């Protein structure tokens, strides 16, 4: 495990801190980890809100009331959307 023992202090405005904190939260990262990744050239990906997945789950429920063939096609599409949203293959 890496030991991080050296700090870097950066001054920002209140507005800048709010914006960077929000961006870190959208990526599911701490502020420190977000800034570390950005400084090292990585571009952290954001995570869609849970409501997006709730909608896809609801579509899957609707698919269950369709014919087997249509339901399978709908489920395949919602699975594809989930993969696109979370970076799957």
Protein backbone atom coordinates (compact mmCIF):
# COMPACT_ATOMS: atom_id res chain seq x y z
CA UNK A 1 0.00 0.00 0.00
CA UNK A 2 1.23 3.47 -0.90
CA UNK A 3 1.98 5.94 1.86
CA UNK A 4 1.06 9.51 1.15
CA UNK A 5 2.88 11.73 3.59
CA UNK A 6 3.52 14.94 1.68
CA UNK A 7 0.83 17.59 1.30
CA UNK A 8 0.28 20.18 -1.40
CA UNK A 9 -1.65 23.28 -0.44
CA UNK A 10 -3.64 25.13 -3.07
CA UNK A 11 -5.68 28.27 -2.51
CA UNK A 12 -9.04 28.51 -4.27
CA UNK A 13 -12.11 30.69 -3.96
CA UNK A 14 -15.21 29.47 -2.14
CA UNK A 15 -16.97 29.08 -5.49
CA UNK A 16 -14.08 27.08 -6.96
CA UNK A 17 -14.02 24.76 -3.95
CA UNK A 18 -17.76 24.15 -4.21
CA UNK A 19 -17.43 23.33 -7.91
CA UNK A 20 -14.46 20.97 -7.45
CA UNK A 21 -16.15 19.29 -4.48
CA UNK A 22 -19.30 18.76 -6.56
CA UNK A 23 -17.27 17.27 -9.44
CA UNK A 24 -15.50 14.91 -7.03
CA UNK A 25 -18.82 13.83 -5.53
CA UNK A 26 -20.27 13.16 -9.00
CA UNK A 27 -17.33 10.82 -9.63
CA UNK A 28 -17.74 9.08 -6.29
CA UNK A 29 -14.31 10.26 -5.13
CA UNK A 30 -13.01 12.19 -2.18
CA UNK A 31 -11.85 15.71 -2.93
CA UNK A 32 -8.21 14.66 -2.42
CA UNK A 33 -8.48 11.64 -4.71
CA UNK A 34 -10.27 13.67 -7.39
CA UNK A 35 -7.57 16.37 -7.33
CA UNK A 36 -4.80 13.74 -7.28
CA UNK A 37 -6.23 11.98 -10.34
CA UNK A 38 -6.74 15.23 -12.25
CA UNK A 39 -3.22 16.43 -11.40
CA UNK A 40 -1.73 13.15 -12.63
CA UNK A 41 -3.57 13.39 -15.95
CA UNK A 42 -6.46 11.03 -15.29
CA UNK A 43 -10.01 12.01 -16.11
CA UNK A 44 -12.29 10.43 -13.52
CA UNK A 45 -15.65 9.36 -14.85
CA UNK A 46 -18.91 10.42 -13.31
CA UNK A 47 -21.56 8.06 -12.05
CA UNK A 48 -25.13 8.53 -13.18
CA UNK A 49 -27.69 9.21 -10.46
CA UNK A 50 -29.42 6.18 -8.96
CA UNK A 51 -32.70 7.40 -10.49
CA UNK A 52 -31.37 6.43 -13.91
CA UNK A 53 -30.98 2.84 -12.76
CA UNK A 54 -34.40 2.96 -11.10
CA UNK A 55 -35.91 3.85 -14.48
CA UNK A 56 -34.07 0.98 -16.19
CA UNK A 57 -35.32 -1.41 -13.47
CA UNK A 58 -38.87 -0.17 -14.10
CA UNK A 59 -38.45 -0.83 -17.83
CA UNK A 60 -37.32 -4.38 -16.97
CA UNK A 61 -40.50 -4.80 -14.89
CA UNK A 62 -42.60 -3.66 -17.85
CA UNK A 63 -40.72 -6.13 -20.07
CA UNK A 64 -41.87 -8.96 -17.80
CA UNK A 65 -45.47 -8.27 -18.84
CA UNK A 66 -44.57 -8.50 -22.55
CA UNK A 67 -44.26 -11.60 -24.67
CA UNK A 68 -41.16 -13.68 -24.02
CA UNK A 69 -39.54 -12.54 -27.25
CA UNK A 70 -40.32 -8.84 -26.80
CA UNK A 71 -39.43 -8.95 -23.11
CA UNK A 72 -36.06 -10.51 -23.86
CA UNK A 73 -35.36 -7.83 -26.47
CA UNK A 74 -36.30 -5.05 -24.03
CA UNK A 75 -34.15 -6.60 -21.27
CA UNK A 76 -31.21 -6.86 -23.68
CA UNK A 77 -31.53 -3.15 -24.48
CA UNK A 78 -31.73 -2.09 -20.82
CA UNK A 79 -28.67 -4.27 -20.07
CA UNK A 80 -26.83 -2.52 -22.91
CA UNK A 81 -27.81 0.88 -21.45
CA UNK A 82 -26.56 -0.15 -18.00
CA UNK A 83 -23.24 -1.22 -19.51
CA UNK A 84 -22.88 2.11 -21.31
CA UNK A 85 -23.67 4.03 -18.14
CA UNK A 86 -21.18 2.20 -15.94
CA UNK A 87 -18.50 1.56 -18.53
CA UNK A 88 -19.14 -2.13 -19.15
CA UNK A 89 -18.39 -3.93 -22.40
